[in-house]
Amino acid sequence: MKIQVDGLLDGVPHAQHIHVDAAGRCPGVAQQHNGLPSITVADGAPLYGGIGTSLTVDGPTSADHGLDVTHFPQAGSYTYSRTIDLDPNVAANLARGTAVLVVHGIDYNANGAYDDVLGASELDPSLPAEATDPALCGTYRPMQMAAVPDGAADTGGGSTAVAAAGSGGGTPSVVTGPVAAALAGGALALLAGFRPARTRRARG
């Protein structure tokens, strides 16, 4: 899998996961948290589900390591590339279009740090919600079988080309590469700050 991220908060961990076992959708309606319109993990979970794969830079990739912050990217712009053996249930979710890519960690008030502006995280009260709230989200669609190389059914591999959300102007964006499904509609939604995100086609 390859993911390219730009425009998030620099110097802090950004947990990233493939979420599974729900509606296979990204949240789009902000709720009130600490008096501010925002989307938390609890808001998104009924739509995108629980963690199926933790996209760590090294070490384990299971759901148990979903908050293993020392093993996630810690930059505002980064390229993530790692070959991962997918859990059979994650592969099944990718095949039926109910897998969702979520990158976490937003600077909601643009002050250059994770703070308590949105309150505490529901996942770990010792962390601010900004550290765990979803920042970028994209749903997957099953690939045509003809596009999957020989043997990919066992590993979840395959080549895709998708689009990025929020090009230019410092707006966060993501480009994903080889994975067992393509992002539905060729776009990722920007959740941080809930500004409308423009989209562009990823370079092939």
N, C-alpha and C. Protein backbone atom coordinates (compact mmCIF):
# COMPACT_ATOMS: atom_id res chain seq x y z
N MET A 1 0.84 -1.19 0.00
CA MET A 1 0.00 0.00 0.00
C MET A 1 0.88 1.23 0.00
N LYS A 2 0.47 2.25 -0.73
CA LYS A 2 1.17 3.53 -0.75
C LYS A 2 0.16 4.65 -0.54
N ILE A 3 0.47 5.54 0.39
CA ILE A 3 -0.40 6.69 0.68
C ILE A 3 0.47 7.94 0.71
N GLN A 4 0.05 8.97 0.05
CA GLN A 4 0.74 10.26 0.10
C GLN A 4 -0.19 11.27 0.75
N VAL A 5 0.30 11.91 1.81
CA VAL A 5 -0.51 12.87 2.58
C VAL A 5 0.18 14.22 2.57
N ASP A 6 -0.59 15.27 2.41
CA ASP A 6 -0.07 16.63 2.44
C ASP A 6 -1.02 17.54 3.22
N GLY A 7 -0.46 18.50 3.96
CA GLY A 7 -1.24 19.57 4.54
C GLY A 7 -1.80 19.34 5.92
N LEU A 8 -1.40 18.25 6.61
CA LEU A 8 -1.85 18.04 7.97
C LEU A 8 -0.87 18.68 8.95
N LEU A 9 -1.16 18.59 10.24
CA LEU A 9 -0.31 19.19 11.26
C LEU A 9 1.03 18.46 11.32
N ASP A 10 2.12 19.22 11.31
CA ASP A 10 3.46 18.65 11.27
C ASP A 10 3.97 18.34 12.68
N GLY A 11 4.80 17.29 12.78
CA GLY A 11 5.49 16.98 14.02
C GLY A 11 4.65 16.26 15.06
N VAL A 12 3.51 15.72 14.66
CA VAL A 12 2.64 14.98 15.58
C VAL A 12 2.19 13.69 14.90
N PRO A 13 1.82 12.67 15.68
CA PRO A 13 1.40 11.40 15.07
C PRO A 13 0.08 11.53 14.32
N HIS A 14 0.00 10.82 13.20
CA HIS A 14 -1.25 10.71 12.45
C HIS A 14 -1.58 9.22 12.29
N ALA A 15 -2.44 8.73 13.19
CA ALA A 15 -2.88 7.35 13.07
C ALA A 15 -3.65 7.19 11.76
N GLN A 16 -3.45 6.06 11.10
CA GLN A 16 -4.15 5.80 9.84
C GLN A 16 -4.53 4.33 9.81
N HIS A 17 -5.76 4.09 9.37
CA HIS A 17 -6.30 2.74 9.42
C HIS A 17 -7.18 2.44 8.22
N ILE A 18 -7.36 1.15 7.97
CA ILE A 18 -8.47 0.68 7.15
C ILE A 18 -9.56 0.26 8.12
N HIS A 19 -10.70 0.93 8.04
CA HIS A 19 -11.83 0.62 8.92
C HIS A 19 -12.81 -0.31 8.19
N VAL A 20 -13.47 -1.17 8.95
CA VAL A 20 -14.29 -2.23 8.34
C VAL A 20 -15.55 -2.51 9.16
N ASP A 21 -16.40 -3.35 8.57
CA ASP A 21 -17.56 -3.95 9.25
C ASP A 21 -18.68 -2.97 9.57
N ALA A 22 -18.86 -1.97 8.73
CA ALA A 22 -19.99 -1.06 8.92
C ALA A 22 -20.58 -0.74 7.56
N ALA A 23 -21.06 0.48 7.39
CA ALA A 23 -21.76 0.86 6.16
C ALA A 23 -20.81 1.18 5.01
N GLY A 24 -19.50 1.26 5.29
CA GLY A 24 -18.56 1.59 4.23
C GLY A 24 -18.70 3.02 3.74
N ARG A 25 -19.02 3.94 4.65
CA ARG A 25 -19.25 5.34 4.29
C ARG A 25 -18.44 6.26 5.19
N CYS A 26 -18.17 7.46 4.68
CA CYS A 26 -17.50 8.50 5.46
C CYS A 26 -18.54 9.43 6.07
N PRO A 27 -18.28 9.93 7.29
CA PRO A 27 -19.22 10.89 7.89
C PRO A 27 -19.18 12.22 7.16
N GLY A 28 -20.31 12.87 7.06
CA GLY A 28 -20.36 14.13 6.34
C GLY A 28 -21.04 15.24 7.09
N VAL A 29 -21.63 14.93 8.24
CA VAL A 29 -22.37 15.93 9.01
C VAL A 29 -21.69 16.14 10.35
N ALA A 30 -21.26 17.37 10.62
CA ALA A 30 -20.60 17.69 11.88
C ALA A 30 -21.60 17.73 13.02
N GLN A 31 -21.16 17.27 14.18
CA GLN A 31 -21.94 17.34 15.41
C GLN A 31 -21.30 18.37 16.34
N GLN A 32 -22.01 18.75 17.38
CA GLN A 32 -21.47 19.71 18.33
C GLN A 32 -20.63 19.00 19.39
N HIS A 33 -19.37 19.41 19.51
CA HIS A 33 -18.47 18.89 20.53
C HIS A 33 -17.73 20.08 21.14
N ASN A 34 -17.87 20.23 22.44
CA ASN A 34 -17.31 21.40 23.12
C ASN A 34 -17.84 22.68 22.50
N GLY A 35 -19.09 22.63 22.02
CA GLY A 35 -19.71 23.80 21.43
C GLY A 35 -19.27 24.13 20.02
N LEU A 36 -18.50 23.21 19.39
CA LEU A 36 -17.99 23.45 18.05
C LEU A 36 -18.44 22.33 17.11
N PRO A 37 -18.73 22.64 15.86
CA PRO A 37 -19.12 21.60 14.91
C PRO A 37 -17.90 20.79 14.48
N SER A 38 -17.90 19.51 14.79
CA SER A 38 -16.76 18.66 14.46
C SER A 38 -17.24 17.22 14.34
N ILE A 39 -16.36 16.38 13.82
CA ILE A 39 -16.65 14.95 13.68
C ILE A 39 -15.64 14.17 14.50
N THR A 40 -16.12 13.39 15.43
CA THR A 40 -15.25 12.58 16.27
C THR A 40 -15.23 11.14 15.78
N VAL A 41 -14.38 10.34 16.39
CA VAL A 41 -14.33 8.92 16.08
C VAL A 41 -15.69 8.27 16.34
N ALA A 42 -16.32 8.65 17.44
CA ALA A 42 -17.63 8.08 17.77
C ALA A 42 -18.68 8.45 16.73
N ASP A 43 -18.58 9.64 16.17
CA ASP A 43 -19.51 10.04 15.11
C ASP A 43 -19.31 9.21 13.85
N GLY A 44 -18.04 8.94 13.53
CA GLY A 44 -17.74 8.24 12.29
C GLY A 44 -17.89 6.74 12.36
N ALA A 45 -17.69 6.15 13.56
CA ALA A 45 -17.66 4.69 13.69
C ALA A 45 -18.90 3.98 13.16
N PRO A 46 -20.13 4.47 13.37
CA PRO A 46 -21.29 3.76 12.82
C PRO A 46 -21.28 3.69 11.29
N LEU A 47 -20.57 4.60 10.64
CA LEU A 47 -20.52 4.61 9.18
C LEU A 47 -19.32 3.86 8.64
N TYR A 48 -18.13 4.11 9.22
CA TYR A 48 -16.94 3.45 8.66
C TYR A 48 -16.46 2.25 9.48
N GLY A 49 -16.99 2.03 10.66
CA GLY A 49 -16.69 0.82 11.41
C GLY A 49 -15.44 0.90 12.26
N GLY A 50 -15.06 -0.25 12.78
CA GLY A 50 -13.89 -0.34 13.64
C GLY A 50 -12.61 -0.52 12.83
N ILE A 51 -11.49 -0.50 13.52
CA ILE A 51 -10.20 -0.66 12.86
C ILE A 51 -10.02 -2.10 12.41
N GLY A 52 -9.69 -2.27 11.13
CA GLY A 52 -9.36 -3.59 10.62
C GLY A 52 -7.87 -3.77 10.47
N THR A 53 -7.19 -2.73 9.97
CA THR A 53 -5.75 -2.74 9.78
C THR A 53 -5.18 -1.41 10.23
N SER A 54 -4.13 -1.46 11.06
CA SER A 54 -3.42 -0.25 11.47
C SER A 54 -2.27 -0.05 10.51
N LEU A 55 -2.26 1.06 9.79
CA LEU A 55 -1.24 1.32 8.78
C LEU A 55 -0.02 1.97 9.43
N THR A 56 0.66 1.16 10.27
CA THR A 56 1.86 1.61 10.96
C THR A 56 3.04 1.62 10.00
N VAL A 57 4.06 2.40 10.34
CA VAL A 57 5.25 2.45 9.50
C VAL A 57 6.15 1.24 9.73
N ASP A 58 6.04 0.63 10.91
CA ASP A 58 6.76 -0.60 11.21
C ASP A 58 6.04 -1.30 12.35
N GLY A 59 6.43 -2.53 12.61
CA GLY A 59 5.77 -3.28 13.68
C GLY A 59 4.42 -3.82 13.27
N PRO A 60 3.64 -4.29 14.25
CA PRO A 60 2.35 -4.93 13.96
C PRO A 60 1.36 -3.99 13.30
N THR A 61 0.44 -4.58 12.53
CA THR A 61 -0.58 -3.80 11.82
C THR A 61 -2.00 -4.19 12.24
N SER A 62 -2.13 -4.92 13.32
CA SER A 62 -3.45 -5.38 13.75
C SER A 62 -4.24 -4.23 14.37
N ALA A 63 -5.52 -4.48 14.58
CA ALA A 63 -6.40 -3.47 15.20
C ALA A 63 -5.94 -3.12 16.61
N ASP A 64 -5.30 -4.07 17.30
CA ASP A 64 -4.83 -3.84 18.66
C ASP A 64 -3.80 -2.71 18.73
N HIS A 65 -3.20 -2.37 17.59
CA HIS A 65 -2.17 -1.33 17.55
C HIS A 65 -2.70 -0.05 16.93
N GLY A 66 -4.00 0.15 17.03
CA GLY A 66 -4.63 1.31 16.42
C GLY A 66 -4.20 2.64 17.01
N LEU A 67 -3.74 2.64 18.27
CA LEU A 67 -3.27 3.87 18.91
C LEU A 67 -1.79 3.81 19.25
N ASP A 68 -1.06 2.98 18.53
CA ASP A 68 0.37 2.83 18.75
C ASP A 68 1.09 4.02 18.12
N VAL A 69 0.96 5.18 18.76
CA VAL A 69 1.30 6.45 18.11
C VAL A 69 2.76 6.57 17.72
N THR A 70 3.66 5.85 18.38
CA THR A 70 5.08 5.96 18.02
C THR A 70 5.38 5.26 16.70
N HIS A 71 4.40 4.51 16.16
CA HIS A 71 4.63 3.76 14.92
C HIS A 71 3.80 4.29 13.75
N PHE A 72 3.22 5.48 13.89
CA PHE A 72 2.50 6.11 12.80
C PHE A 72 3.30 7.30 12.27
N PRO A 73 3.04 7.74 11.06
CA PRO A 73 3.74 8.92 10.53
C PRO A 73 3.56 10.12 11.45
N GLN A 74 4.62 10.92 11.56
CA GLN A 74 4.58 12.08 12.45
C GLN A 74 5.00 13.36 11.70
N ALA A 75 4.42 13.53 10.54
CA ALA A 75 4.69 14.71 9.73
C ALA A 75 3.41 15.19 9.08
N GLY A 76 3.38 16.45 8.68
CA GLY A 76 2.20 17.00 8.02
C GLY A 76 2.09 16.56 6.58
N SER A 77 3.23 16.26 5.98
CA SER A 77 3.27 15.75 4.60
C SER A 77 4.18 14.54 4.59
N TYR A 78 3.69 13.44 4.08
CA TYR A 78 4.49 12.22 4.08
C TYR A 78 4.00 11.26 3.00
N THR A 79 4.87 10.35 2.64
CA THR A 79 4.51 9.25 1.76
C THR A 79 4.67 7.96 2.55
N TYR A 80 3.59 7.23 2.66
CA TYR A 80 3.59 5.96 3.38
C TYR A 80 3.60 4.83 2.36
N SER A 81 4.52 3.90 2.53
CA SER A 81 4.59 2.76 1.62
C SER A 81 4.98 1.53 2.43
N ARG A 82 4.13 0.52 2.37
CA ARG A 82 4.42 -0.71 3.12
C ARG A 82 3.62 -1.86 2.53
N THR A 83 4.25 -3.02 2.45
CA THR A 83 3.55 -4.24 2.03
C THR A 83 2.98 -4.91 3.27
N ILE A 84 1.67 -5.17 3.24
CA ILE A 84 0.97 -5.69 4.41
C ILE A 84 0.17 -6.93 4.02
N ASP A 85 0.25 -7.97 4.83
CA ASP A 85 -0.62 -9.12 4.68
C ASP A 85 -1.94 -8.80 5.38
N LEU A 86 -3.00 -8.68 4.63
CA LEU A 86 -4.29 -8.28 5.19
C LEU A 86 -4.98 -9.43 5.89
N ASP A 87 -5.62 -9.09 6.98
CA ASP A 87 -6.50 -10.04 7.67
C ASP A 87 -7.61 -10.45 6.71
N PRO A 88 -8.03 -11.73 6.71
CA PRO A 88 -9.09 -12.17 5.79
C PRO A 88 -10.36 -11.34 5.87
N ASN A 89 -10.72 -10.86 7.07
CA ASN A 89 -11.93 -10.06 7.19
C ASN A 89 -11.76 -8.70 6.52
N VAL A 90 -10.56 -8.11 6.62
CA VAL A 90 -10.31 -6.84 5.94
C VAL A 90 -10.37 -7.04 4.43
N ALA A 91 -9.76 -8.12 3.95
CA ALA A 91 -9.82 -8.42 2.51
C ALA A 91 -11.26 -8.60 2.05
N ALA A 92 -12.09 -9.24 2.89
CA ALA A 92 -13.49 -9.45 2.54
C ALA A 92 -14.24 -8.12 2.48
N ASN A 93 -13.93 -7.20 3.41
CA ASN A 93 -14.55 -5.87 3.38
C ASN A 93 -14.14 -5.10 2.14
N LEU A 94 -12.88 -5.20 1.75
CA LEU A 94 -12.43 -4.54 0.52
C LEU A 94 -13.18 -5.10 -0.68
N ALA A 95 -13.37 -6.42 -0.68
CA ALA A 95 -14.02 -7.06 -1.82
C ALA A 95 -15.48 -6.63 -1.96
N ARG A 96 -16.15 -6.39 -0.84
CA ARG A 96 -17.58 -6.02 -0.92
C ARG A 96 -17.81 -4.52 -0.81
N GLY A 97 -16.74 -3.73 -0.74
CA GLY A 97 -16.89 -2.28 -0.75
C GLY A 97 -17.27 -1.67 0.57
N THR A 98 -16.95 -2.32 1.68
CA THR A 98 -17.28 -1.77 3.00
C THR A 98 -16.03 -1.41 3.80
N ALA A 99 -14.90 -1.26 3.12
CA ALA A 99 -13.67 -0.81 3.77
C ALA A 99 -13.50 0.68 3.54
N VAL A 100 -12.95 1.37 4.54
CA VAL A 100 -12.79 2.82 4.49
C VAL A 100 -11.39 3.19 4.99
N LEU A 101 -10.71 4.05 4.26
CA LEU A 101 -9.42 4.57 4.69
C LEU A 101 -9.64 5.85 5.49
N VAL A 102 -9.09 5.89 6.71
CA VAL A 102 -9.21 7.08 7.56
C VAL A 102 -7.83 7.47 8.08
N VAL A 103 -7.49 8.75 7.92
CA VAL A 103 -6.29 9.32 8.52
C VAL A 103 -6.75 10.24 9.65
N HIS A 104 -6.19 10.05 10.83
CA HIS A 104 -6.64 10.77 12.02
C HIS A 104 -5.65 11.87 12.41
N GLY A 105 -6.16 12.81 13.20
CA GLY A 105 -5.34 13.89 13.74
C GLY A 105 -5.53 15.19 13.00
N ILE A 106 -6.30 16.11 13.60
CA ILE A 106 -6.60 17.39 12.97
C ILE A 106 -6.18 18.55 13.88
N ASP A 107 -5.78 19.63 13.28
CA ASP A 107 -5.54 20.88 14.01
C ASP A 107 -6.76 21.75 13.77
N TYR A 108 -7.82 21.48 14.51
CA TYR A 108 -9.13 22.09 14.25
C TYR A 108 -9.08 23.61 14.26
N ASN A 109 -8.37 24.16 15.25
CA ASN A 109 -8.33 25.61 15.39
C ASN A 109 -7.06 26.23 14.81
N ALA A 110 -6.28 25.43 14.05
CA ALA A 110 -5.11 25.91 13.32
C ALA A 110 -4.13 26.68 14.19
N ASN A 111 -3.87 26.16 15.40
CA ASN A 111 -2.92 26.83 16.28
C ASN A 111 -1.58 26.11 16.35
N GLY A 112 -1.39 25.10 15.50
CA GLY A 112 -0.09 24.43 15.42
C GLY A 112 0.16 23.36 16.45
N ALA A 113 -0.90 22.88 17.11
CA ALA A 113 -0.73 21.84 18.13
C ALA A 113 -2.05 21.11 18.34
N TYR A 114 -1.96 19.87 18.83
CA TYR A 114 -3.16 19.19 19.31
C TYR A 114 -3.48 19.76 20.69
N ASP A 115 -4.66 20.33 20.85
CA ASP A 115 -5.05 20.87 22.15
C ASP A 115 -6.45 20.41 22.50
N ASP A 116 -7.00 20.97 23.57
CA ASP A 116 -8.29 20.49 24.08
C ASP A 116 -9.48 21.28 23.57
N VAL A 117 -9.33 21.97 22.42
CA VAL A 117 -10.43 22.78 21.91
C VAL A 117 -11.68 21.96 21.66
N LEU A 118 -11.53 20.68 21.31
CA LEU A 118 -12.68 19.80 21.08
C LEU A 118 -12.93 18.85 22.25
N GLY A 119 -12.20 19.04 23.35
CA GLY A 119 -12.36 18.16 24.50
C GLY A 119 -11.41 16.97 24.42
N ALA A 120 -11.70 15.97 25.24
CA ALA A 120 -10.86 14.77 25.31
C ALA A 120 -11.30 13.73 24.29
N SER A 121 -10.36 12.90 23.87
CA SER A 121 -10.67 11.81 22.95
C SER A 121 -11.53 10.75 23.62
N GLU A 122 -12.50 10.22 22.86
CA GLU A 122 -13.31 9.11 23.40
C GLU A 122 -12.49 7.82 23.47
N LEU A 123 -11.45 7.74 22.70
CA LEU A 123 -10.63 6.53 22.66
C LEU A 123 -9.65 6.45 23.83
N ASP A 124 -9.14 7.60 24.23
CA ASP A 124 -8.18 7.68 25.34
C ASP A 124 -8.31 9.06 25.96
N PRO A 125 -8.94 9.15 27.15
CA PRO A 125 -9.18 10.45 27.78
C PRO A 125 -7.92 11.25 28.05
N SER A 126 -6.75 10.59 28.04
CA SER A 126 -5.50 11.32 28.26
C SER A 126 -5.05 12.06 27.02
N LEU A 127 -5.71 11.80 25.88
CA LEU A 127 -5.38 12.46 24.62
C LEU A 127 -6.45 13.48 24.26
N PRO A 128 -6.07 14.58 23.63
CA PRO A 128 -7.10 15.51 23.14
C PRO A 128 -7.82 14.90 21.94
N ALA A 129 -9.08 15.28 21.75
CA ALA A 129 -9.85 14.76 20.62
C ALA A 129 -9.19 15.08 19.29
N GLU A 130 -8.51 16.24 19.20
CA GLU A 130 -7.84 16.59 17.96
C GLU A 130 -6.84 15.50 17.53
N ALA A 131 -6.26 14.79 18.48
CA ALA A 131 -5.24 13.78 18.17
C ALA A 131 -5.83 12.53 17.53
N THR A 132 -7.12 12.27 17.79
CA THR A 132 -7.72 11.02 17.29
C THR A 132 -8.90 11.23 16.34
N ASP A 133 -9.42 12.45 16.26
CA ASP A 133 -10.54 12.69 15.35
C ASP A 133 -10.10 12.48 13.90
N PRO A 134 -11.01 12.00 13.05
CA PRO A 134 -10.64 11.78 11.64
C PRO A 134 -10.38 13.09 10.92
N ALA A 135 -9.32 13.08 10.09
CA ALA A 135 -8.99 14.26 9.29
C ALA A 135 -9.30 14.04 7.82
N LEU A 136 -9.05 12.83 7.32
CA LEU A 136 -9.29 12.48 5.92
C LEU A 136 -9.96 11.12 5.86
N CYS A 137 -10.87 10.97 4.92
CA CYS A 137 -11.64 9.73 4.83
C CYS A 137 -11.97 9.44 3.37
N GLY A 138 -11.83 8.20 2.99
CA GLY A 138 -12.20 7.79 1.64
C GLY A 138 -12.71 6.36 1.65
N THR A 139 -13.79 6.11 0.93
CA THR A 139 -14.34 4.77 0.85
C THR A 139 -13.74 4.00 -0.34
N TYR A 140 -13.78 2.69 -0.25
CA TYR A 140 -13.24 1.84 -1.30
C TYR A 140 -14.37 1.23 -2.13
N ARG A 141 -14.05 0.89 -3.36
CA ARG A 141 -14.95 0.10 -4.17
C ARG A 141 -14.17 -1.13 -4.65
N PRO A 142 -14.83 -2.26 -4.83
CA PRO A 142 -14.13 -3.45 -5.30
C PRO A 142 -13.52 -3.21 -6.69
N MET A 143 -12.35 -3.79 -6.91
CA MET A 143 -11.72 -3.71 -8.22
C MET A 143 -12.29 -4.74 -9.16
N GLN A 144 -12.18 -4.49 -10.46
CA GLN A 144 -12.48 -5.52 -11.44
C GLN A 144 -11.43 -6.60 -11.32
N MET A 145 -11.84 -7.84 -11.32
CA MET A 145 -10.90 -8.93 -11.14
C MET A 145 -9.81 -8.95 -12.21
N ALA A 146 -10.13 -8.48 -13.41
CA ALA A 146 -9.15 -8.48 -14.49
C ALA A 146 -7.97 -7.58 -14.18
N ALA A 147 -8.17 -6.63 -13.25
CA ALA A 147 -7.10 -5.68 -12.95
C ALA A 147 -6.17 -6.19 -11.86
N VAL A 148 -6.49 -7.30 -11.22
CA VAL A 148 -5.70 -7.81 -10.11
C VAL A 148 -4.66 -8.78 -10.63
N PRO A 149 -3.37 -8.57 -10.29
CA PRO A 149 -2.33 -9.49 -10.73
C PRO A 149 -2.54 -10.88 -10.18
N ASP A 150 -1.91 -11.87 -10.81
CA ASP A 150 -1.99 -13.25 -10.35
C ASP A 150 -1.55 -13.34 -8.90
N GLY A 151 -2.31 -14.08 -8.12
CA GLY A 151 -1.95 -14.31 -6.73
C GLY A 151 -2.40 -13.25 -5.77
N ALA A 152 -2.95 -12.15 -6.26
CA ALA A 152 -3.30 -11.04 -5.37
C ALA A 152 -4.43 -11.39 -4.42
N ALA A 153 -5.25 -12.37 -4.75
CA ALA A 153 -6.36 -12.72 -3.88
C ALA A 153 -5.88 -13.17 -2.51
N ASP A 154 -4.66 -13.72 -2.44
CA ASP A 154 -4.14 -14.20 -1.17
C ASP A 154 -3.55 -13.08 -0.32
N THR A 155 -3.14 -11.98 -0.96
CA THR A 155 -2.43 -10.94 -0.24
C THR A 155 -3.19 -9.63 -0.17
N GLY A 156 -4.21 -9.47 -0.97
CA GLY A 156 -4.93 -8.20 -0.99
C GLY A 156 -4.25 -7.15 -1.85
N GLY A 157 -3.31 -7.55 -2.70
CA GLY A 157 -2.58 -6.59 -3.51
C GLY A 157 -3.30 -6.27 -4.79
N GLY A 158 -2.88 -5.21 -5.44
CA GLY A 158 -3.46 -4.81 -6.72
C GLY A 158 -3.06 -3.39 -7.03
N SER A 159 -3.15 -2.98 -8.25
CA SER A 159 -2.74 -1.64 -8.63
C SER A 159 -3.95 -0.78 -8.91
N THR A 160 -3.96 0.42 -8.32
CA THR A 160 -5.08 1.33 -8.52
C THR A 160 -4.57 2.73 -8.78
N ALA A 161 -5.41 3.57 -9.35
CA ALA A 161 -5.13 4.99 -9.46
C ALA A 161 -6.35 5.71 -8.91
N VAL A 162 -6.13 6.61 -7.95
CA VAL A 162 -7.25 7.29 -7.31
C VAL A 162 -7.00 8.79 -7.33
N ALA A 163 -7.97 9.53 -6.83
CA ALA A 163 -7.83 10.98 -6.80
C ALA A 163 -7.50 11.46 -5.41
N ALA A 164 -7.03 12.69 -5.32
CA ALA A 164 -6.70 13.31 -4.04
C ALA A 164 -7.70 14.40 -3.74
N ALA A 165 -7.93 14.60 -2.46
CA ALA A 165 -8.84 15.67 -2.04
C ALA A 165 -8.05 16.90 -1.64
N GLY A 166 -8.63 18.06 -1.88
CA GLY A 166 -8.07 19.29 -1.35
C GLY A 166 -6.72 19.65 -1.93
N SER A 167 -6.58 19.75 -3.21
CA SER A 167 -5.30 20.09 -3.80
C SER A 167 -5.00 21.57 -3.60
N GLY A 168 -3.75 21.86 -3.26
CA GLY A 168 -3.30 23.24 -3.18
C GLY A 168 -3.79 23.98 -1.96
N GLY A 169 -3.22 25.15 -1.73
CA GLY A 169 -3.67 26.05 -0.68
C GLY A 169 -3.50 25.50 0.73
N GLY A 170 -2.61 24.52 0.92
CA GLY A 170 -2.40 23.96 2.23
C GLY A 170 -3.51 23.05 2.69
N THR A 171 -4.46 22.76 1.86
CA THR A 171 -5.56 21.89 2.24
C THR A 171 -5.09 20.45 2.25
N PRO A 172 -5.37 19.67 3.31
CA PRO A 172 -4.90 18.30 3.37
C PRO A 172 -5.37 17.47 2.18
N SER A 173 -4.49 16.59 1.74
CA SER A 173 -4.83 15.71 0.63
C SER A 173 -4.16 14.37 0.79
N VAL A 174 -4.69 13.37 0.14
CA VAL A 174 -4.14 12.03 0.20
C VAL A 174 -4.20 11.41 -1.19
N VAL A 175 -3.14 10.70 -1.56
CA VAL A 175 -3.16 9.87 -2.75
C VAL A 175 -2.81 8.45 -2.31
N THR A 176 -3.62 7.48 -2.68
CA THR A 176 -3.30 6.11 -2.32
C THR A 176 -2.88 5.34 -3.55
N GLY A 177 -2.01 4.37 -3.33
CA GLY A 177 -1.48 3.55 -4.42
C GLY A 177 -1.96 2.12 -4.32
N PRO A 178 -1.06 1.13 -4.56
CA PRO A 178 -1.49 -0.26 -4.62
C PRO A 178 -2.26 -0.72 -3.39
N VAL A 179 -3.42 -1.24 -3.61
CA VAL A 179 -4.27 -1.78 -2.55
C VAL A 179 -5.34 -2.61 -3.24
N ALA A 180 -6.10 -3.36 -2.47
CA ALA A 180 -7.02 -4.32 -3.07
C ALA A 180 -8.30 -3.70 -3.61
N ALA A 181 -8.47 -2.42 -3.46
CA ALA A 181 -9.66 -1.76 -3.99
C ALA A 181 -9.33 -0.33 -4.32
N ALA A 182 -10.12 0.28 -5.16
CA ALA A 182 -9.91 1.68 -5.50
C ALA A 182 -10.85 2.55 -4.68
N LEU A 183 -10.42 3.78 -4.39
CA LEU A 183 -11.29 4.68 -3.64
C LEU A 183 -12.51 5.02 -4.48
N ALA A 184 -13.67 4.82 -3.91
CA ALA A 184 -14.92 5.04 -4.64
C ALA A 184 -15.03 6.49 -5.06
N GLY A 185 -15.37 6.69 -6.32
CA GLY A 185 -15.54 8.04 -6.82
C GLY A 185 -14.25 8.78 -7.04
N GLY A 186 -13.13 8.12 -6.73
CA GLY A 186 -11.84 8.75 -6.95
C GLY A 186 -11.58 9.96 -6.09
N ALA A 187 -12.09 9.99 -4.86
CA ALA A 187 -11.88 11.17 -4.02
C ALA A 187 -11.86 10.80 -2.56
N LEU A 188 -11.16 11.62 -1.78
CA LEU A 188 -11.18 11.53 -0.33
C LEU A 188 -11.78 12.81 0.22
N ALA A 189 -12.59 12.68 1.25
CA ALA A 189 -13.24 13.85 1.83
C ALA A 189 -12.36 14.45 2.91
N LEU A 190 -12.23 15.76 2.92
CA LEU A 190 -11.54 16.48 3.96
C LEU A 190 -12.50 16.69 5.13
N LEU A 191 -12.12 16.18 6.31
CA LEU A 191 -12.99 16.32 7.47
C LEU A 191 -12.52 17.42 8.41
N ALA A 192 -11.22 17.68 8.46
CA ALA A 192 -10.69 18.67 9.39
C ALA A 192 -11.20 20.06 9.05
N GLY A 193 -11.90 20.66 9.97
CA GLY A 193 -12.40 22.02 9.78
C GLY A 193 -13.68 22.08 8.97
N PHE A 194 -14.01 20.98 8.28
CA PHE A 194 -15.26 20.86 7.54
C PHE A 194 -15.44 21.92 6.49
N ARG A 195 -14.34 22.27 5.83
CA ARG A 195 -14.40 23.15 4.68
C ARG A 195 -14.63 22.29 3.44
N PRO A 196 -15.35 22.77 2.43
CA PRO A 196 -15.51 22.01 1.20
C PRO A 196 -14.15 21.70 0.58
N ALA A 197 -13.95 20.45 0.20
CA ALA A 197 -12.67 20.06 -0.38
C ALA A 197 -12.76 19.96 -1.88
N ARG A 198 -11.82 20.58 -2.58
CA ARG A 198 -11.73 20.39 -4.02
C ARG A 198 -11.05 19.07 -4.29
N THR A 199 -11.22 18.54 -5.48
CA THR A 199 -10.57 17.28 -5.83
C THR A 199 -9.81 17.44 -7.12
N ARG A 200 -8.80 16.60 -7.31
CA ARG A 200 -8.08 16.57 -8.56
C ARG A 200 -7.75 15.10 -8.84
N ARG A 201 -7.49 14.81 -10.07
CA ARG A 201 -7.12 13.45 -10.43
C ARG A 201 -5.68 13.18 -10.03
N ALA A 202 -5.44 12.03 -9.48
CA ALA A 202 -4.08 11.65 -9.15
C ALA A 202 -3.31 11.37 -10.43
N ARG A 203 -2.02 11.71 -10.38
CA ARG A 203 -1.18 11.40 -11.53
C ARG A 203 -1.00 9.90 -11.64
N GLY A 204 -1.18 9.37 -12.87
CA GLY A 204 -1.08 7.94 -13.07
C GLY A 204 0.33 7.47 -13.18
